[in-house]
Amino acid sequence: MAFTAAETGSIKGTFNPANSVNQVWAVSGADTLKIPPADSISFNFEQVKAGAYTILIDAKEPFKDKTIENVNVKASEVVNLGEIKLEQ
């Protein structure tokens, strides 16, 4: 079932350093979204159903994976996580 833009929002962010991420996941209950980085430095989940999400970042070696909890998406809004710094 597709959701309309009025029922969905989006989640975006950037990575530091660039080229440090394999995949990004957005998880809310039984709903799971997965995307590769849009380019070497950013991601953008579009048409995300409103709700609370956990963002899981699968980092490339030697960087550590990162989890961001309680990302609240509201209909017609963009959640900008800003710059996400990955540590070694």
PDB file of N, CA and C in Angstrom:
ATOM      1  N   MET A   1       0.837  -1.170   0.000  1.00  0.00           N
ATOM      2  CA  MET A   1       0.000   0.000   0.000  1.00  0.00           C
ATOM      3  C   MET A   1       0.890   1.244   0.000  1.00  0.00           C
ATOM      4  N   ALA A   2       0.648   2.133  -0.916  1.00  0.00           N
ATOM      5  CA  ALA A   2       1.423   3.372  -0.998  1.00  0.00           C
ATOM      6  C   ALA A   2       0.790   4.438  -0.116  1.00  0.00           C
ATOM      7  N   PHE A   3       1.637   5.270   0.432  1.00  0.00           N
ATOM      8  CA  PHE A   3       1.173   6.379   1.261  1.00  0.00           C
ATOM      9  C   PHE A   3       1.312   7.662   0.467  1.00  0.00           C
ATOM     10  N   THR A   4       0.404   8.610   0.685  1.00  0.00           N
ATOM     11  CA  THR A   4       0.504   9.893   0.006  1.00  0.00           C
ATOM     12  C   THR A   4       1.472  10.795   0.766  1.00  0.00           C
ATOM     13  N   ALA A   5       1.916  11.866   0.118  1.00  0.00           N
ATOM     14  CA  ALA A   5       2.850  12.791   0.750  1.00  0.00           C
ATOM     15  C   ALA A   5       2.258  13.404   2.014  1.00  0.00           C
ATOM     16  N   ALA A   6       0.926  13.563   2.055  1.00  0.00           N
ATOM     17  CA  ALA A   6       0.278  14.140   3.238  1.00  0.00           C
ATOM     18  C   ALA A   6       0.332  13.190   4.432  1.00  0.00           C
ATOM     19  N   GLU A   7       0.562  11.902   4.185  1.00  0.00           N
ATOM     20  CA  GLU A   7       0.603  10.905   5.255  1.00  0.00           C
ATOM     21  C   GLU A   7       2.024  10.536   5.657  1.00  0.00           C
ATOM     22  N   THR A   8       3.004  11.053   4.928  1.00  0.00           N
ATOM     23  CA  THR A   8       4.381  10.634   5.153  1.00  0.00           C
ATOM     24  C   THR A   8       5.299  11.829   5.389  1.00  0.00           C
ATOM     25  N   GLY A   9       6.473  11.525   5.899  1.00  0.00           N
ATOM     26  CA  GLY A   9       7.521  12.524   6.069  1.00  0.00           C
ATOM     27  C   GLY A   9       8.805  11.974   5.493  1.00  0.00           C
ATOM     28  N   SER A  10       9.922  12.556   5.885  1.00  0.00           N
ATOM     29  CA  SER A  10      11.210  12.049   5.421  1.00  0.00           C
ATOM     30  C   SER A  10      12.259  12.212   6.514  1.00  0.00           C
ATOM     31  N   ILE A  11      13.348  11.438   6.360  1.00  0.00           N
ATOM     32  CA  ILE A  11      14.480  11.476   7.287  1.00  0.00           C
ATOM     33  C   ILE A  11      15.733  11.630   6.446  1.00  0.00           C
ATOM     34  N   LYS A  12      16.547  12.630   6.795  1.00  0.00           N
ATOM     35  CA  LYS A  12      17.787  12.817   6.039  1.00  0.00           C
ATOM     36  C   LYS A  12      18.931  13.167   6.974  1.00  0.00           C
ATOM     37  N   GLY A  13      20.131  13.025   6.453  1.00  0.00           N
ATOM     38  CA  GLY A  13      21.322  13.366   7.224  1.00  0.00           C
ATOM     39  C   GLY A  13      22.561  13.236   6.367  1.00  0.00           C
ATOM     40  N   THR A  14      23.690  13.647   6.943  1.00  0.00           N
ATOM     41  CA  THR A  14      24.977  13.526   6.266  1.00  0.00           C
ATOM     42  C   THR A  14      25.956  12.790   7.171  1.00  0.00           C
ATOM     43  N   PHE A  15      27.012  12.253   6.572  1.00  0.00           N
ATOM     44  CA  PHE A  15      28.026  11.498   7.299  1.00  0.00           C
ATOM     45  C   PHE A  15      29.347  12.248   7.315  1.00  0.00           C
ATOM     46  N   ASN A  16      30.070  12.072   8.398  1.00  0.00           N
ATOM     47  CA  ASN A  16      31.427  12.574   8.489  1.00  0.00           C
ATOM     48  C   ASN A  16      32.251  11.484   9.142  1.00  0.00           C
ATOM     49  N   PRO A  17      33.231  10.938   8.454  1.00  0.00           N
ATOM     50  CA  PRO A  17      33.756  11.343   7.157  1.00  0.00           C
ATOM     51  C   PRO A  17      32.937  10.774   5.988  1.00  0.00           C
ATOM     52  N   ALA A  18      33.195  11.317   4.796  1.00  0.00           N
ATOM     53  CA  ALA A  18      32.556  10.811   3.577  1.00  0.00           C
ATOM     54  C   ALA A  18      33.043   9.390   3.295  1.00  0.00           C
ATOM     55  N   ASN A  19      32.282   8.652   2.516  1.00  0.00           N
ATOM     56  CA  ASN A  19      32.628   7.282   2.103  1.00  0.00           C
ATOM     57  C   ASN A  19      32.811   6.341   3.282  1.00  0.00           C
ATOM     58  N   SER A  20      32.067   6.547   4.365  1.00  0.00           N
ATOM     59  CA  SER A  20      32.247   5.726   5.569  1.00  0.00           C
ATOM     60  C   SER A  20      31.068   4.793   5.850  1.00  0.00           C
ATOM     61  N   VAL A  21      30.047   4.766   4.971  1.00  0.00           N
ATOM     62  CA  VAL A  21      28.816   4.026   5.265  1.00  0.00           C
ATOM     63  C   VAL A  21      28.456   3.070   4.136  1.00  0.00           C
ATOM     64  N   ASN A  22      28.049   1.836   4.526  1.00  0.00           N
ATOM     65  CA  ASN A  22      27.553   0.840   3.572  1.00  0.00           C
ATOM     66  C   ASN A  22      26.055   0.992   3.330  1.00  0.00           C
ATOM     67  N   GLN A  23      25.276   0.980   4.416  1.00  0.00           N
ATOM     68  CA  GLN A  23      23.817   1.013   4.350  1.00  0.00           C
ATOM     69  C   GLN A  23      23.274   1.824   5.515  1.00  0.00           C
ATOM     70  N   VAL A  24      22.052   2.334   5.333  1.00  0.00           N
ATOM     71  CA  VAL A  24      21.338   3.013   6.410  1.00  0.00           C
ATOM     72  C   VAL A  24      19.965   2.352   6.515  1.00  0.00           C
ATOM     73  N   TRP A  25      19.549   2.041   7.743  1.00  0.00           N
ATOM     74  CA  TRP A  25      18.273   1.396   8.010  1.00  0.00           C
ATOM     75  C   TRP A  25      17.414   2.314   8.869  1.00  0.00           C
ATOM     76  N   ALA A  26      16.118   2.315   8.622  1.00  0.00           N
ATOM     77  CA  ALA A  26      15.144   3.001   9.476  1.00  0.00           C
ATOM     78  C   ALA A  26      14.151   1.935   9.921  1.00  0.00           C
ATOM     79  N   VAL A  27      14.033   1.714  11.232  1.00  0.00           N
ATOM     80  CA  VAL A  27      13.205   0.632  11.768  1.00  0.00           C
ATOM     81  C   VAL A  27      12.149   1.218  12.705  1.00  0.00           C
ATOM     82  N   SER A  28      10.897   0.807  12.481  1.00  0.00           N
ATOM     83  CA  SER A  28       9.790   1.203  13.349  1.00  0.00           C
ATOM     84  C   SER A  28       8.860   0.010  13.468  1.00  0.00           C
ATOM     85  N   GLY A  29       8.898  -0.675  14.627  1.00  0.00           N
ATOM     86  CA  GLY A  29       8.080  -1.877  14.795  1.00  0.00           C
ATOM     87  C   GLY A  29       8.442  -2.909  13.745  1.00  0.00           C
ATOM     88  N   ALA A  30       7.461  -3.337  12.959  1.00  0.00           N
ATOM     89  CA  ALA A  30       7.693  -4.328  11.906  1.00  0.00           C
ATOM     90  C   ALA A  30       8.119  -3.687  10.589  1.00  0.00           C
ATOM     91  N   ASP A  31       8.108  -2.364  10.526  1.00  0.00           N
ATOM     92  CA  ASP A  31       8.491  -1.656   9.298  1.00  0.00           C
ATOM     93  C   ASP A  31       9.996  -1.437   9.269  1.00  0.00           C
ATOM     94  N   THR A  32      10.625  -1.848   8.170  1.00  0.00           N
ATOM     95  CA  THR A  32      12.065  -1.657   8.007  1.00  0.00           C
ATOM     96  C   THR A  32      12.332  -1.094   6.621  1.00  0.00           C
ATOM     97  N   LEU A  33      13.078  -0.013   6.576  1.00  0.00           N
ATOM     98  CA  LEU A  33      13.509   0.594   5.323  1.00  0.00           C
ATOM     99  C   LEU A  33      15.030   0.530   5.265  1.00  0.00           C
ATOM    100  N   LYS A  34      15.573   0.305   4.068  1.00  0.00           N
ATOM    101  CA  LYS A  34      17.032   0.221   3.913  1.00  0.00           C
ATOM    102  C   LYS A  34      17.419   0.928   2.624  1.00  0.00           C
ATOM    103  N   ILE A  35      18.457   1.755   2.716  1.00  0.00           N
ATOM    104  CA  ILE A  35      18.981   2.412   1.524  1.00  0.00           C
ATOM    105  C   ILE A  35      20.503   2.505   1.613  1.00  0.00           C
ATOM    106  N   PRO A  36      21.173   2.486   0.463  1.00  0.00           N
ATOM    107  CA  PRO A  36      22.594   2.831   0.474  1.00  0.00           C
ATOM    108  C   PRO A  36      22.688   4.353   0.539  1.00  0.00           C
ATOM    109  N   PRO A  37      23.823   4.887   0.911  1.00  0.00           N
ATOM    110  CA  PRO A  37      23.964   6.340   0.895  1.00  0.00           C
ATOM    111  C   PRO A  37      23.658   6.886  -0.505  1.00  0.00           C
ATOM    112  N   ALA A  38      23.005   8.039  -0.560  1.00  0.00           N
ATOM    113  CA  ALA A  38      22.646   8.643  -1.848  1.00  0.00           C
ATOM    114  C   ALA A  38      23.892   9.032  -2.644  1.00  0.00           C
ATOM    115  N   ASP A  39      24.920   9.382  -1.946  1.00  0.00           N
ATOM    116  CA  ASP A  39      26.221   9.688  -2.521  1.00  0.00           C
ATOM    117  C   ASP A  39      27.228   9.296  -1.444  1.00  0.00           C
ATOM    118  N   SER A  40      28.391   9.783  -1.487  1.00  0.00           N
ATOM    119  CA  SER A  40      29.385   9.356  -0.503  1.00  0.00           C
ATOM    120  C   SER A  40      29.195   9.988   0.866  1.00  0.00           C
ATOM    121  N   ILE A  41      28.229  10.911   0.984  1.00  0.00           N
ATOM    122  CA  ILE A  41      28.161  11.672   2.226  1.00  0.00           C
ATOM    123  C   ILE A  41      26.754  11.844   2.810  1.00  0.00           C
ATOM    124  N   SER A  42      25.681  11.423   2.136  1.00  0.00           N
ATOM    125  CA  SER A  42      24.346  11.712   2.661  1.00  0.00           C
ATOM    126  C   SER A  42      23.348  10.580   2.413  1.00  0.00           C
ATOM    127  N   PHE A  43      22.206  10.683   3.114  1.00  0.00           N
ATOM    128  CA  PHE A  43      21.090   9.764   2.889  1.00  0.00           C
ATOM    129  C   PHE A  43      19.787  10.535   3.013  1.00  0.00           C
ATOM    130  N   ASN A  44      18.731   9.998   2.399  1.00  0.00           N
ATOM    131  CA  ASN A  44      17.424  10.632   2.458  1.00  0.00           C
ATOM    132  C   ASN A  44      16.341   9.563   2.286  1.00  0.00           C
ATOM    133  N   PHE A  45      15.657   9.235   3.380  1.00  0.00           N
ATOM    134  CA  PHE A  45      14.493   8.358   3.307  1.00  0.00           C
ATOM    135  C   PHE A  45      13.290   9.238   2.982  1.00  0.00           C
ATOM    136  N   GLU A  46      12.606   8.964   1.884  1.00  0.00           N
ATOM    137  CA  GLU A  46      11.424   9.723   1.507  1.00  0.00           C
ATOM    138  C   GLU A  46      10.184   8.852   1.677  1.00  0.00           C
ATOM    139  N   GLN A  47       9.031   9.485   1.800  1.00  0.00           N
ATOM    140  CA  GLN A  47       7.747   8.803   1.959  1.00  0.00           C
ATOM    141  C   GLN A  47       7.792   7.795   3.108  1.00  0.00           C
ATOM    142  N   VAL A  48       8.237   8.281   4.270  1.00  0.00           N
ATOM    143  CA  VAL A  48       8.319   7.473   5.484  1.00  0.00           C
ATOM    144  C   VAL A  48       7.029   7.658   6.269  1.00  0.00           C
ATOM    145  N   LYS A  49       6.399   6.547   6.626  1.00  0.00           N
ATOM    146  CA  LYS A  49       5.171   6.596   7.408  1.00  0.00           C
ATOM    147  C   LYS A  49       5.441   7.274   8.751  1.00  0.00           C
ATOM    148  N   ALA A  50       4.524   8.116   9.195  1.00  0.00           N
ATOM    149  CA  ALA A  50       4.686   8.815  10.470  1.00  0.00           C
ATOM    150  C   ALA A  50       4.865   7.808  11.602  1.00  0.00           C
ATOM    151  N   GLY A  51       5.729   8.136  12.563  1.00  0.00           N
ATOM    152  CA  GLY A  51       5.981   7.263  13.704  1.00  0.00           C
ATOM    153  C   GLY A  51       7.389   7.446  14.243  1.00  0.00           C
ATOM    154  N   ALA A  52       7.735   6.651  15.258  1.00  0.00           N
ATOM    155  CA  ALA A  52       9.058   6.701  15.876  1.00  0.00           C
ATOM    156  C   ALA A  52       9.962   5.654  15.224  1.00  0.00           C
ATOM    157  N   TYR A  53      11.157   6.065  14.842  1.00  0.00           N
ATOM    158  CA  TYR A  53      12.107   5.197  14.149  1.00  0.00           C
ATOM    159  C   TYR A  53      13.434   5.124  14.890  1.00  0.00           C
ATOM    160  N   THR A  54      14.121   4.009  14.680  1.00  0.00           N
ATOM    161  CA  THR A  54      15.508   3.865  15.073  1.00  0.00           C
ATOM    162  C   THR A  54      16.313   3.819  13.784  1.00  0.00           C
ATOM    163  N   ILE A  55      17.336   4.651  13.690  1.00  0.00           N
ATOM    164  CA  ILE A  55      18.200   4.681  12.510  1.00  0.00           C
ATOM    165  C   ILE A  55      19.453   3.880  12.832  1.00  0.00           C
ATOM    166  N   LEU A  56      19.749   2.912  11.988  1.00  0.00           N
ATOM    167  CA  LEU A  56      20.931   2.061  12.141  1.00  0.00           C
ATOM    168  C   LEU A  56      21.878   2.354  10.980  1.00  0.00           C
ATOM    169  N   ILE A  57      23.095   2.702  11.296  1.00  0.00           N
ATOM    170  CA  ILE A  57      24.077   3.030  10.269  1.00  0.00           C
ATOM    171  C   ILE A  57      25.139   1.938  10.250  1.00  0.00           C
ATOM    172  N   ASP A  58      25.225   1.239   9.116  1.00  0.00           N
ATOM    173  CA  ASP A  58      26.206   0.179   8.899  1.00  0.00           C
ATOM    174  C   ASP A  58      27.458   0.825   8.320  1.00  0.00           C
ATOM    175  N   ALA A  59      28.446   1.050   9.179  1.00  0.00           N
ATOM    176  CA  ALA A  59      29.664   1.759   8.775  1.00  0.00           C
ATOM    177  C   ALA A  59      30.684   0.812   8.152  1.00  0.00           C
ATOM    178  N   LYS A  60      31.491   1.364   7.271  1.00  0.00           N
ATOM    179  CA  LYS A  60      32.612   0.628   6.684  1.00  0.00           C
ATOM    180  C   LYS A  60      33.752   0.604   7.691  1.00  0.00           C
ATOM    181  N   GLU A  61      34.539  -0.470   7.656  1.00  0.00           N
ATOM    182  CA  GLU A  61      35.746  -0.549   8.489  1.00  0.00           C
ATOM    183  C   GLU A  61      36.680   0.581   8.124  1.00  0.00           C
ATOM    184  N   PRO A  62      37.346   1.214   9.016  1.00  0.00           N
ATOM    185  CA  PRO A  62      37.509   0.918  10.438  1.00  0.00           C
ATOM    186  C   PRO A  62      36.492   1.652  11.331  1.00  0.00           C
ATOM    187  N   PHE A  63      35.442   2.225  10.741  1.00  0.00           N
ATOM    188  CA  PHE A  63      34.485   3.005  11.520  1.00  0.00           C
ATOM    189  C   PHE A  63      33.487   2.107  12.237  1.00  0.00           C
ATOM    190  N   LYS A  64      32.919   2.629  13.326  1.00  0.00           N
ATOM    191  CA  LYS A  64      31.964   1.878  14.132  1.00  0.00           C
ATOM    192  C   LYS A  64      30.540   2.171  13.676  1.00  0.00           C
ATOM    193  N   ASP A  65      29.690   1.122  13.695  1.00  0.00           N
ATOM    194  CA  ASP A  65      28.279   1.294  13.404  1.00  0.00           C
ATOM    195  C   ASP A  65      27.678   2.268  14.414  1.00  0.00           C
ATOM    196  N   LYS A  66      26.579   2.898  14.027  1.00  0.00           N
ATOM    197  CA  LYS A  66      25.958   3.878  14.915  1.00  0.00           C
ATOM    198  C   LYS A  66      24.454   3.674  14.916  1.00  0.00           C
ATOM    199  N   THR A  67      23.828   3.885  16.082  1.00  0.00           N
ATOM    200  CA  THR A  67      22.377   3.787  16.243  1.00  0.00           C
ATOM    201  C   THR A  67      21.858   5.111  16.768  1.00  0.00           C
ATOM    202  N   ILE A  68      20.799   5.604  16.140  1.00  0.00           N
ATOM    203  CA  ILE A  68      20.134   6.832  16.588  1.00  0.00           C
ATOM    204  C   ILE A  68      18.684   6.457  16.887  1.00  0.00           C
ATOM    205  N   GLU A  69      18.290   6.579  18.139  1.00  0.00           N
ATOM    206  CA  GLU A  69      16.949   6.160  18.559  1.00  0.00           C
ATOM    207  C   GLU A  69      15.999   7.353  18.652  1.00  0.00           C
ATOM    208  N   ASN A  70      14.709   7.022  18.690  1.00  0.00           N
ATOM    209  CA  ASN A  70      13.643   8.007  18.899  1.00  0.00           C
ATOM    210  C   ASN A  70      13.636   9.127  17.863  1.00  0.00           C
ATOM    211  N   VAL A  71      13.729   8.745  16.603  1.00  0.00           N
ATOM    212  CA  VAL A  71      13.599   9.710  15.514  1.00  0.00           C
ATOM    213  C   VAL A  71      12.117   9.754  15.161  1.00  0.00           C
ATOM    214  N   ASN A  72      11.466  10.848  15.495  1.00  0.00           N
ATOM    215  CA  ASN A  72      10.014  10.956  15.333  1.00  0.00           C
ATOM    216  C   ASN A  72       9.670  11.643  14.023  1.00  0.00           C
ATOM    217  N   VAL A  73       8.987  10.894  13.158  1.00  0.00           N
ATOM    218  CA  VAL A  73       8.575  11.405  11.850  1.00  0.00           C
ATOM    219  C   VAL A  73       7.108  11.788  11.920  1.00  0.00           C
ATOM    220  N   LYS A  74       6.810  12.992  11.432  1.00  0.00           N
ATOM    221  CA  LYS A  74       5.433  13.474  11.346  1.00  0.00           C
ATOM    222  C   LYS A  74       5.090  13.690   9.880  1.00  0.00           C
ATOM    223  N   ALA A  75       3.822  13.549   9.560  1.00  0.00           N
ATOM    224  CA  ALA A  75       3.371  13.715   8.182  1.00  0.00           C
ATOM    225  C   ALA A  75       3.764  15.085   7.651  1.00  0.00           C
ATOM    226  N   SER A  76       4.232  15.105   6.423  1.00  0.00           N
ATOM    227  CA  SER A  76       4.603  16.322   5.690  1.00  0.00           C
ATOM    228  C   SER A  76       5.789  17.078   6.283  1.00  0.00           C
ATOM    229  N   GLU A  77       6.573  16.433   7.144  1.00  0.00           N
ATOM    230  CA  GLU A  77       7.731  17.089   7.739  1.00  0.00           C
ATOM    231  C   GLU A  77       9.016  16.339   7.404  1.00  0.00           C
ATOM    232  N   VAL A  78      10.126  17.080   7.392  1.00  0.00           N
ATOM    233  CA  VAL A  78      11.453  16.507   7.167  1.00  0.00           C
ATOM    234  C   VAL A  78      12.198  16.492   8.498  1.00  0.00           C
ATOM    235  N   VAL A  79      12.698  15.321   8.889  1.00  0.00           N
ATOM    236  CA  VAL A  79      13.552  15.211  10.069  1.00  0.00           C
ATOM    237  C   VAL A  79      14.986  15.239   9.562  1.00  0.00           C
ATOM    238  N   ASN A  80      15.696  16.311   9.892  1.00  0.00           N
ATOM    239  CA  ASN A  80      17.073  16.445   9.462  1.00  0.00           C
ATOM    240  C   ASN A  80      17.975  16.095  10.641  1.00  0.00           C
ATOM    241  N   LEU A  81      18.673  14.975  10.541  1.00  0.00           N
ATOM    242  CA  LEU A  81      19.568  14.531  11.603  1.00  0.00           C
ATOM    243  C   LEU A  81      20.905  15.266  11.570  1.00  0.00           C
ATOM    244  N   GLY A  82      21.104  16.108  10.567  1.00  0.00           N
ATOM    245  CA  GLY A  82      22.344  16.890  10.470  1.00  0.00           C
ATOM    246  C   GLY A  82      23.540  16.003  10.179  1.00  0.00           C
ATOM    247  N   GLU A  83      24.695  16.459  10.635  1.00  0.00           N
ATOM    248  CA  GLU A  83      25.933  15.710  10.402  1.00  0.00           C
ATOM    249  C   GLU A  83      26.088  14.631  11.466  1.00  0.00           C
ATOM    250  N   ILE A  84      26.285  13.409  11.013  1.00  0.00           N
ATOM    251  CA  ILE A  84      26.474  12.258  11.897  1.00  0.00           C
ATOM    252  C   ILE A  84      27.951  11.887  11.838  1.00  0.00           C
ATOM    253  N   LYS A  85      28.638  12.067  12.955  1.00  0.00           N
ATOM    254  CA  LYS A  85      30.077  11.778  13.003  1.00  0.00           C
ATOM    255  C   LYS A  85      30.283  10.314  13.380  1.00  0.00           C
ATOM    256  N   LEU A  86      31.035   9.609  12.561  1.00  0.00           N
ATOM    257  CA  LEU A  86      31.352   8.209  12.820  1.00  0.00           C
ATOM    258  C   LEU A  86      32.747   8.112  13.390  1.00  0.00           C
ATOM    259  N   GLU A  87      32.865   7.297  14.423  1.00  0.00           N
ATOM    260  CA  GLU A  87      34.144   7.137  15.111  1.00  0.00           C
ATOM    261  C   GLU A  87      34.816   5.834  14.717  1.00  0.00           C
ATOM    262  N   GLN A  88      36.133   5.813  14.889  1.00  0.00           N
ATOM    263  CA  GLN A  88      36.888   4.579  14.614  1.00  0.00           C
ATOM    264  C   GLN A  88      36.978   3.739  15.852  1.00  0.00           C
TER     265      GLN A  88
END
